[in-house]
Amino acid sequence: DVPNFDVDTSNLIGNANEWDVISLMDGHFSHIKADQPQYEMQTIKLSGTGGVGATFTLSFMYQSTGPIPWDADEHEVLQKLEMLSTVGDILVSLDVDAITNDRSW
């Protein structure tokens, strides 16, 4: 199985923020079944707002991104994740709830 991302929220402001990393579809590394890859799907969800200047980092297999703004768009998150040698092909999308401002990447 592919491990989940870890989220470091120590640079977020306040305590009203809730984070969750959810594995939507279990995958496996392509070298295990190169002829039948099964991609992992994970959602990183922020409930609440991080505040001006607030950032978070993502870690995967002992490597961490640089700071990511709490309100980053999908391109910013993608750029940070592509810098990690432990991350292969990746797609990032963003969903923002218009009422609560909850964000899911």
PDB file of N, CA and C in Angstrom:
ATOM      1  N   ASP A   1       0.830  -1.193   0.000  1.00  0.00           N
ATOM      2  CA  ASP A   1       0.000   0.000   0.000  1.00  0.00           C
ATOM      3  C   ASP A   1       0.870   1.249   0.000  1.00  0.00           C
ATOM      4  N   VAL A   2       0.343   2.314  -0.560  1.00  0.00           N
ATOM      5  CA  VAL A   2       1.006   3.608  -0.588  1.00  0.00           C
ATOM      6  C   VAL A   2       0.641   4.343   0.699  1.00  0.00           C
ATOM      7  N   PRO A   3       1.618   4.912   1.417  1.00  0.00           N
ATOM      8  CA  PRO A   3       1.284   5.627   2.656  1.00  0.00           C
ATOM      9  C   PRO A   3       0.567   6.937   2.371  1.00  0.00           C
ATOM     10  N   ASN A   4      -0.196   7.413   3.359  1.00  0.00           N
ATOM     11  CA  ASN A   4      -0.865   8.709   3.252  1.00  0.00           C
ATOM     12  C   ASN A   4       0.140   9.832   3.417  1.00  0.00           C
ATOM     13  N   PHE A   5      -0.202  11.008   2.893  1.00  0.00           N
ATOM     14  CA  PHE A   5       0.558  12.211   3.168  1.00  0.00           C
ATOM     15  C   PHE A   5       0.397  12.556   4.640  1.00  0.00           C
ATOM     16  N   ASP A   6       1.396  13.195   5.215  1.00  0.00           N
ATOM     17  CA  ASP A   6       1.303  13.763   6.554  1.00  0.00           C
ATOM     18  C   ASP A   6       1.201  15.269   6.401  1.00  0.00           C
ATOM     19  N   VAL A   7       0.415  15.908   7.267  1.00  0.00           N
ATOM     20  CA  VAL A   7       0.221  17.352   7.204  1.00  0.00           C
ATOM     21  C   VAL A   7       0.773  17.970   8.479  1.00  0.00           C
ATOM     22  N   ASP A   8       1.668  18.956   8.332  1.00  0.00           N
ATOM     23  CA  ASP A   8       2.180  19.719   9.467  1.00  0.00           C
ATOM     24  C   ASP A   8       1.472  21.062   9.455  1.00  0.00           C
ATOM     25  N   THR A   9       0.681  21.302  10.483  1.00  0.00           N
ATOM     26  CA  THR A   9      -0.121  22.523  10.546  1.00  0.00           C
ATOM     27  C   THR A   9       0.383  23.477  11.619  1.00  0.00           C
ATOM     28  N   SER A  10       1.622  23.333  12.053  1.00  0.00           N
ATOM     29  CA  SER A  10       2.129  24.153  13.150  1.00  0.00           C
ATOM     30  C   SER A  10       2.190  25.642  12.800  1.00  0.00           C
ATOM     31  N   ASN A  11       2.144  25.997  11.506  1.00  0.00           N
ATOM     32  CA  ASN A  11       2.172  27.410  11.118  1.00  0.00           C
ATOM     33  C   ASN A  11       0.795  27.977  10.825  1.00  0.00           C
ATOM     34  N   LEU A  12      -0.258  27.218  11.139  1.00  0.00           N
ATOM     35  CA  LEU A  12      -1.604  27.759  10.999  1.00  0.00           C
ATOM     36  C   LEU A  12      -1.975  28.512  12.267  1.00  0.00           C
ATOM     37  N   ILE A  13      -2.792  29.531  12.125  1.00  0.00           N
ATOM     38  CA  ILE A  13      -3.140  30.415  13.231  1.00  0.00           C
ATOM     39  C   ILE A  13      -4.490  29.995  13.793  1.00  0.00           C
ATOM     40  N   GLY A  14      -4.589  29.966  15.119  1.00  0.00           N
ATOM     41  CA  GLY A  14      -5.856  29.643  15.762  1.00  0.00           C
ATOM     42  C   GLY A  14      -6.033  28.142  15.922  1.00  0.00           C
ATOM     43  N   ASN A  15      -7.115  27.761  16.564  1.00  0.00           N
ATOM     44  CA  ASN A  15      -7.363  26.342  16.812  1.00  0.00           C
ATOM     45  C   ASN A  15      -8.685  25.880  16.213  1.00  0.00           C
ATOM     46  N   ALA A  16      -9.271  26.694  15.325  1.00  0.00           N
ATOM     47  CA  ALA A  16     -10.550  26.326  14.734  1.00  0.00           C
ATOM     48  C   ALA A  16     -10.374  25.507  13.464  1.00  0.00           C
ATOM     49  N   ASN A  17      -9.131  25.223  13.108  1.00  0.00           N
ATOM     50  CA  ASN A  17      -8.864  24.503  11.869  1.00  0.00           C
ATOM     51  C   ASN A  17      -8.846  23.000  12.121  1.00  0.00           C
ATOM     52  N   GLU A  18      -9.438  22.259  11.219  1.00  0.00           N
ATOM     53  CA  GLU A  18      -9.400  20.801  11.289  1.00  0.00           C
ATOM     54  C   GLU A  18      -8.845  20.287   9.976  1.00  0.00           C
ATOM     55  N   TRP A  19      -7.894  19.368  10.060  1.00  0.00           N
ATOM     56  CA  TRP A  19      -7.267  18.772   8.883  1.00  0.00           C
ATOM     57  C   TRP A  19      -7.556  17.293   8.866  1.00  0.00           C
ATOM     58  N   ASP A  20      -7.670  16.751   7.688  1.00  0.00           N
ATOM     59  CA  ASP A  20      -7.853  15.317   7.551  1.00  0.00           C
ATOM     60  C   ASP A  20      -7.230  14.879   6.230  1.00  0.00           C
ATOM     61  N   VAL A  21      -6.556  13.738   6.240  1.00  0.00           N
ATOM     62  CA  VAL A  21      -6.044  13.121   5.025  1.00  0.00           C
ATOM     63  C   VAL A  21      -6.798  11.815   4.856  1.00  0.00           C
ATOM     64  N   ILE A  22      -7.495  11.686   3.740  1.00  0.00           N
ATOM     65  CA  ILE A  22      -8.350  10.533   3.511  1.00  0.00           C
ATOM     66  C   ILE A  22      -7.880   9.803   2.260  1.00  0.00           C
ATOM     67  N   SER A  23      -7.699   8.509   2.378  1.00  0.00           N
ATOM     68  CA  SER A  23      -7.370   7.689   1.218  1.00  0.00           C
ATOM     69  C   SER A  23      -8.669   7.271   0.556  1.00  0.00           C
ATOM     70  N   LEU A  24      -8.926   7.814  -0.636  1.00  0.00           N
ATOM     71  CA  LEU A  24     -10.175   7.510  -1.349  1.00  0.00           C
ATOM     72  C   LEU A  24     -10.100   6.212  -2.132  1.00  0.00           C
ATOM     73  N   MET A  25      -8.885   5.860  -2.575  1.00  0.00           N
ATOM     74  CA  MET A  25      -8.677   4.619  -3.305  1.00  0.00           C
ATOM     75  C   MET A  25      -7.256   4.148  -3.021  1.00  0.00           C
ATOM     76  N   ASP A  26      -7.128   2.957  -2.473  1.00  0.00           N
ATOM     77  CA  ASP A  26      -5.811   2.413  -2.177  1.00  0.00           C
ATOM     78  C   ASP A  26      -5.075   2.087  -3.461  1.00  0.00           C
ATOM     79  N   GLY A  27      -3.809   2.407  -3.476  1.00  0.00           N
ATOM     80  CA  GLY A  27      -2.974   2.117  -4.632  1.00  0.00           C
ATOM     81  C   GLY A  27      -1.786   1.279  -4.215  1.00  0.00           C
ATOM     82  N   HIS A  28      -0.934   0.997  -5.159  1.00  0.00           N
ATOM     83  CA  HIS A  28       0.316   0.317  -4.855  1.00  0.00           C
ATOM     84  C   HIS A  28       1.384   0.880  -5.764  1.00  0.00           C
ATOM     85  N   PHE A  29       2.615   0.714  -5.341  1.00  0.00           N
ATOM     86  CA  PHE A  29       3.731   1.234  -6.118  1.00  0.00           C
ATOM     87  C   PHE A  29       3.815   0.514  -7.456  1.00  0.00           C
ATOM     88  N   SER A  30       4.136   1.240  -8.504  1.00  0.00           N
ATOM     89  CA  SER A  30       4.105   0.675  -9.857  1.00  0.00           C
ATOM     90  C   SER A  30       5.134  -0.421 -10.059  1.00  0.00           C
ATOM     91  N   HIS A  31       6.206  -0.443  -9.256  1.00  0.00           N
ATOM     92  CA  HIS A  31       7.195  -1.501  -9.443  1.00  0.00           C
ATOM     93  C   HIS A  31       6.693  -2.851  -8.922  1.00  0.00           C
ATOM     94  N   ILE A  32       5.618  -2.839  -8.160  1.00  0.00           N
ATOM     95  CA  ILE A  32       5.071  -4.097  -7.650  1.00  0.00           C
ATOM     96  C   ILE A  32       4.301  -4.818  -8.755  1.00  0.00           C
ATOM     97  N   LYS A  33       3.467  -4.098  -9.467  1.00  0.00           N
ATOM     98  CA  LYS A  33       2.696  -4.656 -10.590  1.00  0.00           C
ATOM     99  C   LYS A  33       2.809  -3.668 -11.735  1.00  0.00           C
ATOM    100  N   ALA A  34       3.952  -3.642 -12.385  1.00  0.00           N
ATOM    101  CA  ALA A  34       4.220  -2.644 -13.420  1.00  0.00           C
ATOM    102  C   ALA A  34       3.223  -2.724 -14.574  1.00  0.00           C
ATOM    103  N   ASP A  35       2.693  -3.912 -14.837  1.00  0.00           N
ATOM    104  CA  ASP A  35       1.757  -4.056 -15.951  1.00  0.00           C
ATOM    105  C   ASP A  35       0.326  -3.663 -15.572  1.00  0.00           C
ATOM    106  N   GLN A  36       0.055  -3.529 -14.270  1.00  0.00           N
ATOM    107  CA  GLN A  36      -1.281  -3.163 -13.802  1.00  0.00           C
ATOM    108  C   GLN A  36      -1.180  -2.156 -12.656  1.00  0.00           C
ATOM    109  N   PRO A  37      -0.726  -0.936 -12.948  1.00  0.00           N
ATOM    110  CA  PRO A  37      -0.604   0.030 -11.844  1.00  0.00           C
ATOM    111  C   PRO A  37      -1.971   0.392 -11.282  1.00  0.00           C
ATOM    112  N   GLN A  38      -2.032   0.593  -9.986  1.00  0.00           N
ATOM    113  CA  GLN A  38      -3.251   1.046  -9.328  1.00  0.00           C
ATOM    114  C   GLN A  38      -2.886   2.316  -8.579  1.00  0.00           C
ATOM    115  N   TYR A  39      -3.439   3.427  -9.008  1.00  0.00           N
ATOM    116  CA  TYR A  39      -3.074   4.712  -8.450  1.00  0.00           C
ATOM    117  C   TYR A  39      -3.807   4.980  -7.147  1.00  0.00           C
ATOM    118  N   GLU A  40      -3.116   5.641  -6.259  1.00  0.00           N
ATOM    119  CA  GLU A  40      -3.663   6.053  -4.975  1.00  0.00           C
ATOM    120  C   GLU A  40      -4.415   7.370  -5.159  1.00  0.00           C
ATOM    121  N   MET A  41      -5.541   7.522  -4.478  1.00  0.00           N
ATOM    122  CA  MET A  41      -6.262   8.794  -4.462  1.00  0.00           C
ATOM    123  C   MET A  41      -6.410   9.226  -3.020  1.00  0.00           C
ATOM    124  N   GLN A  42      -5.883  10.414  -2.708  1.00  0.00           N
ATOM    125  CA  GLN A  42      -5.983  10.946  -1.359  1.00  0.00           C
ATOM    126  C   GLN A  42      -6.562  12.346  -1.414  1.00  0.00           C
ATOM    127  N   THR A  43      -7.312  12.693  -0.383  1.00  0.00           N
ATOM    128  CA  THR A  43      -7.843  14.042  -0.226  1.00  0.00           C
ATOM    129  C   THR A  43      -7.250  14.644   1.033  1.00  0.00           C
ATOM    130  N   ILE A  44      -6.789  15.870   0.906  1.00  0.00           N
ATOM    131  CA  ILE A  44      -6.304  16.631   2.050  1.00  0.00           C
ATOM    132  C   ILE A  44      -7.326  17.731   2.268  1.00  0.00           C
ATOM    133  N   LYS A  45      -7.974  17.734   3.425  1.00  0.00           N
ATOM    134  CA  LYS A  45      -9.084  18.649   3.658  1.00  0.00           C
ATOM    135  C   LYS A  45      -8.785  19.580   4.825  1.00  0.00           C
ATOM    136  N   LEU A  46      -9.027  20.872   4.607  1.00  0.00           N
ATOM    137  CA  LEU A  46      -8.941  21.887   5.649  1.00  0.00           C
ATOM    138  C   LEU A  46     -10.334  22.425   5.907  1.00  0.00           C
ATOM    139  N   SER A  47     -10.798  22.294   7.141  1.00  0.00           N
ATOM    140  CA  SER A  47     -12.067  22.891   7.547  1.00  0.00           C
ATOM    141  C   SER A  47     -11.736  24.115   8.383  1.00  0.00           C
ATOM    142  N   GLY A  48     -12.174  25.263   7.943  1.00  0.00           N
ATOM    143  CA  GLY A  48     -11.842  26.522   8.604  1.00  0.00           C
ATOM    144  C   GLY A  48     -10.855  27.284   7.750  1.00  0.00           C
ATOM    145  N   THR A  49     -10.337  28.370   8.286  1.00  0.00           N
ATOM    146  CA  THR A  49      -9.371  29.179   7.547  1.00  0.00           C
ATOM    147  C   THR A  49      -8.085  29.275   8.328  1.00  0.00           C
ATOM    148  N   GLY A  50      -6.996  29.417   7.630  1.00  0.00           N
ATOM    149  CA  GLY A  50      -5.693  29.442   8.275  1.00  0.00           C
ATOM    150  C   GLY A  50      -5.262  30.803   8.760  1.00  0.00           C
ATOM    151  N   GLY A  51      -5.820  31.879   8.238  1.00  0.00           N
ATOM    152  CA  GLY A  51      -5.416  33.214   8.629  1.00  0.00           C
ATOM    153  C   GLY A  51      -4.338  33.758   7.705  1.00  0.00           C
ATOM    154  N   VAL A  52      -4.174  35.044   7.724  1.00  0.00           N
ATOM    155  CA  VAL A  52      -3.206  35.713   6.856  1.00  0.00           C
ATOM    156  C   VAL A  52      -1.792  35.196   7.140  1.00  0.00           C
ATOM    157  N   GLY A  53      -1.100  34.777   6.090  1.00  0.00           N
ATOM    158  CA  GLY A  53       0.276  34.306   6.230  1.00  0.00           C
ATOM    159  C   GLY A  53       0.422  32.878   6.739  1.00  0.00           C
ATOM    160  N   ALA A  54      -0.686  32.204   7.009  1.00  0.00           N
ATOM    161  CA  ALA A  54      -0.624  30.839   7.534  1.00  0.00           C
ATOM    162  C   ALA A  54      -0.213  29.868   6.427  1.00  0.00           C
ATOM    163  N   THR A  55       0.602  28.887   6.798  1.00  0.00           N
ATOM    164  CA  THR A  55       1.077  27.878   5.849  1.00  0.00           C
ATOM    165  C   THR A  55       0.992  26.489   6.463  1.00  0.00           C
ATOM    166  N   PHE A  56       1.120  25.494   5.610  1.00  0.00           N
ATOM    167  CA  PHE A  56       1.233  24.107   6.055  1.00  0.00           C
ATOM    168  C   PHE A  56       2.258  23.427   5.162  1.00  0.00           C
ATOM    169  N   THR A  57       2.741  22.285   5.572  1.00  0.00           N
ATOM    170  CA  THR A  57       3.631  21.482   4.735  1.00  0.00           C
ATOM    171  C   THR A  57       3.050  20.083   4.614  1.00  0.00           C
ATOM    172  N   LEU A  58       3.419  19.398   3.539  1.00  0.00           N
ATOM    173  CA  LEU A  58       3.026  18.011   3.326  1.00  0.00           C
ATOM    174  C   LEU A  58       4.286  17.152   3.301  1.00  0.00           C
ATOM    175  N   SER A  59       4.206  15.994   3.903  1.00  0.00           N
ATOM    176  CA  SER A  59       5.324  15.062   3.899  1.00  0.00           C
ATOM    177  C   SER A  59       4.879  13.735   3.322  1.00  0.00           C
ATOM    178  N   PHE A  60       5.788  13.123   2.572  1.00  0.00           N
ATOM    179  CA  PHE A  60       5.503  11.810   1.993  1.00  0.00           C
ATOM    180  C   PHE A  60       6.804  11.030   1.961  1.00  0.00           C
ATOM    181  N   MET A  61       6.809   9.912   2.646  1.00  0.00           N
ATOM    182  CA  MET A  61       7.957   9.010   2.695  1.00  0.00           C
ATOM    183  C   MET A  61       9.237   9.768   3.072  1.00  0.00           C
ATOM    184  N   TYR A  62       9.158  10.505   4.198  1.00  0.00           N
ATOM    185  CA  TYR A  62      10.298  11.180   4.824  1.00  0.00           C
ATOM    186  C   TYR A  62      10.802  12.407   4.068  1.00  0.00           C
ATOM    187  N   GLN A  63      10.070  12.897   3.097  1.00  0.00           N
ATOM    188  CA  GLN A  63      10.418  14.151   2.434  1.00  0.00           C
ATOM    189  C   GLN A  63       9.262  15.127   2.624  1.00  0.00           C
ATOM    190  N   SER A  64       9.603  16.411   2.796  1.00  0.00           N
ATOM    191  CA  SER A  64       8.584  17.424   3.053  1.00  0.00           C
ATOM    192  C   SER A  64       8.650  18.541   2.025  1.00  0.00           C
ATOM    193  N   THR A  65       7.493  19.099   1.747  1.00  0.00           N
ATOM    194  CA  THR A  65       7.417  20.255   0.864  1.00  0.00           C
ATOM    195  C   THR A  65       7.887  21.488   1.613  1.00  0.00           C
ATOM    196  N   GLY A  66       8.100  22.554   0.878  1.00  0.00           N
ATOM    197  CA  GLY A  66       8.257  23.856   1.500  1.00  0.00           C
ATOM    198  C   GLY A  66       6.897  24.328   1.974  1.00  0.00           C
ATOM    199  N   PRO A  67       6.847  25.481   2.643  1.00  0.00           N
ATOM    200  CA  PRO A  67       5.569  26.002   3.132  1.00  0.00           C
ATOM    201  C   PRO A  67       4.574  26.222   1.983  1.00  0.00           C
ATOM    202  N   ILE A  68       3.328  25.813   2.228  1.00  0.00           N
ATOM    203  CA  ILE A  68       2.228  25.975   1.270  1.00  0.00           C
ATOM    204  C   ILE A  68       1.202  26.897   1.930  1.00  0.00           C
ATOM    205  N   PRO A  69       0.812  27.993   1.271  1.00  0.00           N
ATOM    206  CA  PRO A  69      -0.217  28.857   1.861  1.00  0.00           C
ATOM    207  C   PRO A  69      -1.507  28.081   2.104  1.00  0.00           C
ATOM    208  N   TRP A  70      -2.192  28.387   3.193  1.00  0.00           N
ATOM    209  CA  TRP A  70      -3.419  27.650   3.533  1.00  0.00           C
ATOM    210  C   TRP A  70      -4.470  27.778   2.438  1.00  0.00           C
ATOM    211  N   ASP A  71      -4.405  28.868   1.665  1.00  0.00           N
ATOM    212  CA  ASP A  71      -5.396  29.075   0.607  1.00  0.00           C
ATOM    213  C   ASP A  71      -4.807  28.819  -0.783  1.00  0.00           C
ATOM    214  N   ALA A  72      -3.798  27.951  -0.854  1.00  0.00           N
ATOM    215  CA  ALA A  72      -3.129  27.648  -2.125  1.00  0.00           C
ATOM    216  C   ALA A  72      -4.097  27.060  -3.138  1.00  0.00           C
ATOM    217  N   ASP A  73      -3.854  27.405  -4.409  1.00  0.00           N
ATOM    218  CA  ASP A  73      -4.645  26.773  -5.460  1.00  0.00           C
ATOM    219  C   ASP A  73      -3.990  25.436  -5.835  1.00  0.00           C
ATOM    220  N   GLU A  74      -4.621  24.719  -6.742  1.00  0.00           N
ATOM    221  CA  GLU A  74      -4.136  23.383  -7.096  1.00  0.00           C
ATOM    222  C   GLU A  74      -2.750  23.431  -7.741  1.00  0.00           C
ATOM    223  N   HIS A  75      -2.433  24.510  -8.447  1.00  0.00           N
ATOM    224  CA  HIS A  75      -1.131  24.612  -9.114  1.00  0.00           C
ATOM    225  C   HIS A  75       0.007  24.790  -8.098  1.00  0.00           C
ATOM    226  N   GLU A  76      -0.244  25.571  -7.050  1.00  0.00           N
ATOM    227  CA  GLU A  76       0.763  25.758  -6.001  1.00  0.00           C
ATOM    228  C   GLU A  76       1.056  24.441  -5.284  1.00  0.00           C
ATOM    229  N   VAL A  77       0.004  23.694  -4.950  1.00  0.00           N
ATOM    230  CA  VAL A  77       0.185  22.410  -4.269  1.00  0.00           C
ATOM    231  C   VAL A  77       0.906  21.426  -5.187  1.00  0.00           C
ATOM    232  N   LEU A  78       0.514  21.379  -6.443  1.00  0.00           N
ATOM    233  CA  LEU A  78       1.157  20.497  -7.409  1.00  0.00           C
ATOM    234  C   LEU A  78       2.648  20.807  -7.521  1.00  0.00           C
ATOM    235  N   GLN A  79       3.003  22.082  -7.630  1.00  0.00           N
ATOM    236  CA  GLN A  79       4.414  22.467  -7.745  1.00  0.00           C
ATOM    237  C   GLN A  79       5.216  22.008  -6.536  1.00  0.00           C
ATOM    238  N   LYS A  80       4.666  22.171  -5.350  1.00  0.00           N
ATOM    239  CA  LYS A  80       5.370  21.753  -4.128  1.00  0.00           C
ATOM    240  C   LYS A  80       5.550  20.237  -4.100  1.00  0.00           C
ATOM    241  N   LEU A  81       4.515  19.495  -4.468  1.00  0.00           N
ATOM    242  CA  LEU A  81       4.593  18.034  -4.428  1.00  0.00           C
ATOM    243  C   LEU A  81       5.541  17.482  -5.492  1.00  0.00           C
ATOM    244  N   GLU A  82       5.593  18.140  -6.642  1.00  0.00           N
ATOM    245  CA  GLU A  82       6.487  17.682  -7.707  1.00  0.00           C
ATOM    246  C   GLU A  82       7.962  17.838  -7.333  1.00  0.00           C
ATOM    247  N   MET A  83       8.255  18.645  -6.331  1.00  0.00           N
ATOM    248  CA  MET A  83       9.635  18.827  -5.870  1.00  0.00           C
ATOM    249  C   MET A  83      10.131  17.620  -5.055  1.00  0.00           C
ATOM    250  N   LEU A  84       9.218  16.779  -4.603  1.00  0.00           N
ATOM    251  CA  LEU A  84       9.586  15.616  -3.795  1.00  0.00           C
ATOM    252  C   LEU A  84       9.947  14.453  -4.707  1.00  0.00           C
ATOM    253  N   SER A  85      11.116  13.883  -4.512  1.00  0.00           N
ATOM    254  CA  SER A  85      11.523  12.748  -5.354  1.00  0.00           C
ATOM    255  C   SER A  85      10.728  11.487  -5.026  1.00  0.00           C
ATOM    256  N   THR A  86      10.053  11.466  -3.891  1.00  0.00           N
ATOM    257  CA  THR A  86       9.273  10.298  -3.495  1.00  0.00           C
ATOM    258  C   THR A  86       7.886  10.284  -4.133  1.00  0.00           C
ATOM    259  N   VAL A  87       7.515  11.374  -4.808  1.00  0.00           N
ATOM    260  CA  VAL A  87       6.209  11.471  -5.454  1.00  0.00           C
ATOM    261  C   VAL A  87       6.405  11.320  -6.954  1.00  0.00           C
ATOM    262  N   GLY A  88       5.661  10.404  -7.555  1.00  0.00           N
ATOM    263  CA  GLY A  88       5.742  10.199  -9.006  1.00  0.00           C
ATOM    264  C   GLY A  88       4.733  11.067  -9.722  1.00  0.00           C
ATOM    265  N   ASP A  89       4.090  10.494 -10.724  1.00  0.00           N
ATOM    266  CA  ASP A  89       3.043  11.221 -11.458  1.00  0.00           C
ATOM    267  C   ASP A  89       1.930  11.599 -10.495  1.00  0.00           C
ATOM    268  N   ILE A  90       1.510  12.840 -10.578  1.00  0.00           N
ATOM    269  CA  ILE A  90       0.499  13.306  -9.631  1.00  0.00           C
ATOM    270  C   ILE A  90      -0.420  14.319 -10.307  1.00  0.00           C
ATOM    271  N   LEU A  91      -1.673  14.272  -9.927  1.00  0.00           N
ATOM    272  CA  LEU A  91      -2.673  15.260 -10.342  1.00  0.00           C
ATOM    273  C   LEU A  91      -3.233  15.893  -9.077  1.00  0.00           C
ATOM    274  N   VAL A  92      -3.470  17.187  -9.125  1.00  0.00           N
ATOM    275  CA  VAL A  92      -4.041  17.891  -7.974  1.00  0.00           C
ATOM    276  C   VAL A  92      -5.229  18.710  -8.460  1.00  0.00           C
ATOM    277  N   SER A  93      -6.321  18.611  -7.741  1.00  0.00           N
ATOM    278  CA  SER A  93      -7.483  19.461  -8.010  1.00  0.00           C
ATOM    279  C   SER A  93      -7.849  20.150  -6.702  1.00  0.00           C
ATOM    280  N   LEU A  94      -8.682  21.163  -6.799  1.00  0.00           N
ATOM    281  CA  LEU A  94      -9.084  21.930  -5.622  1.00  0.00           C
ATOM    282  C   LEU A  94     -10.592  22.092  -5.628  1.00  0.00           C
ATOM    283  N   ASP A  95     -11.185  21.898  -4.452  1.00  0.00           N
ATOM    284  CA  ASP A  95     -12.603  22.147  -4.262  1.00  0.00           C
ATOM    285  C   ASP A  95     -12.742  23.072  -3.068  1.00  0.00           C
ATOM    286  N   VAL A  96     -13.412  24.211  -3.248  1.00  0.00           N
ATOM    287  CA  VAL A  96     -13.632  25.170  -2.172  1.00  0.00           C
ATOM    288  C   VAL A  96     -15.127  25.317  -1.951  1.00  0.00           C
ATOM    289  N   ASP A  97     -15.557  25.103  -0.712  1.00  0.00           N
ATOM    290  CA  ASP A  97     -16.962  25.276  -0.367  1.00  0.00           C
ATOM    291  C   ASP A  97     -17.249  26.772  -0.288  1.00  0.00           C
ATOM    292  N   ALA A  98     -18.190  27.255  -1.102  1.00  0.00           N
ATOM    293  CA  ALA A  98     -18.484  28.686  -1.188  1.00  0.00           C
ATOM    294  C   ALA A  98     -19.040  29.260   0.119  1.00  0.00           C
ATOM    295  N   ILE A  99     -19.652  28.436   0.935  1.00  0.00           N
ATOM    296  CA  ILE A  99     -20.252  28.926   2.177  1.00  0.00           C
ATOM    297  C   ILE A  99     -19.273  28.862   3.337  1.00  0.00           C
ATOM    298  N   THR A 100     -18.631  27.724   3.540  1.00  0.00           N
ATOM    299  CA  THR A 100     -17.766  27.536   4.706  1.00  0.00           C
ATOM    300  C   THR A 100     -16.295  27.845   4.433  1.00  0.00           C
ATOM    301  N   ASN A 101     -15.907  27.945   3.167  1.00  0.00           N
ATOM    302  CA  ASN A 101     -14.521  28.129   2.729  1.00  0.00           C
ATOM    303  C   ASN A 101     -13.644  26.920   3.053  1.00  0.00           C
ATOM    304  N   ASP A 102     -14.263  25.758   3.356  1.00  0.00           N
ATOM    305  CA  ASP A 102     -13.491  24.525   3.518  1.00  0.00           C
ATOM    306  C   ASP A 102     -12.811  24.227   2.195  1.00  0.00           C
ATOM    307  N   ARG A 103     -11.595  23.704   2.253  1.00  0.00           N
ATOM    308  CA  ARG A 103     -10.811  23.444   1.059  1.00  0.00           C
ATOM    309  C   ARG A 103     -10.379  21.984   1.029  1.00  0.00           C
ATOM    310  N   SER A 104     -10.466  21.378  -0.145  1.00  0.00           N
ATOM    311  CA  SER A 104     -10.005  19.999  -0.330  1.00  0.00           C
ATOM    312  C   SER A 104      -9.126  19.952  -1.576  1.00  0.00           C
ATOM    313  N   TRP A 105      -7.933  19.375  -1.429  1.00  0.00           N
ATOM    314  CA  TRP A 105      -7.032  19.181  -2.563  1.00  0.00           C
ATOM    315  C   TRP A 105      -6.956  17.711  -2.873  1.00  0.00           C
TER     316      TRP A 105
END
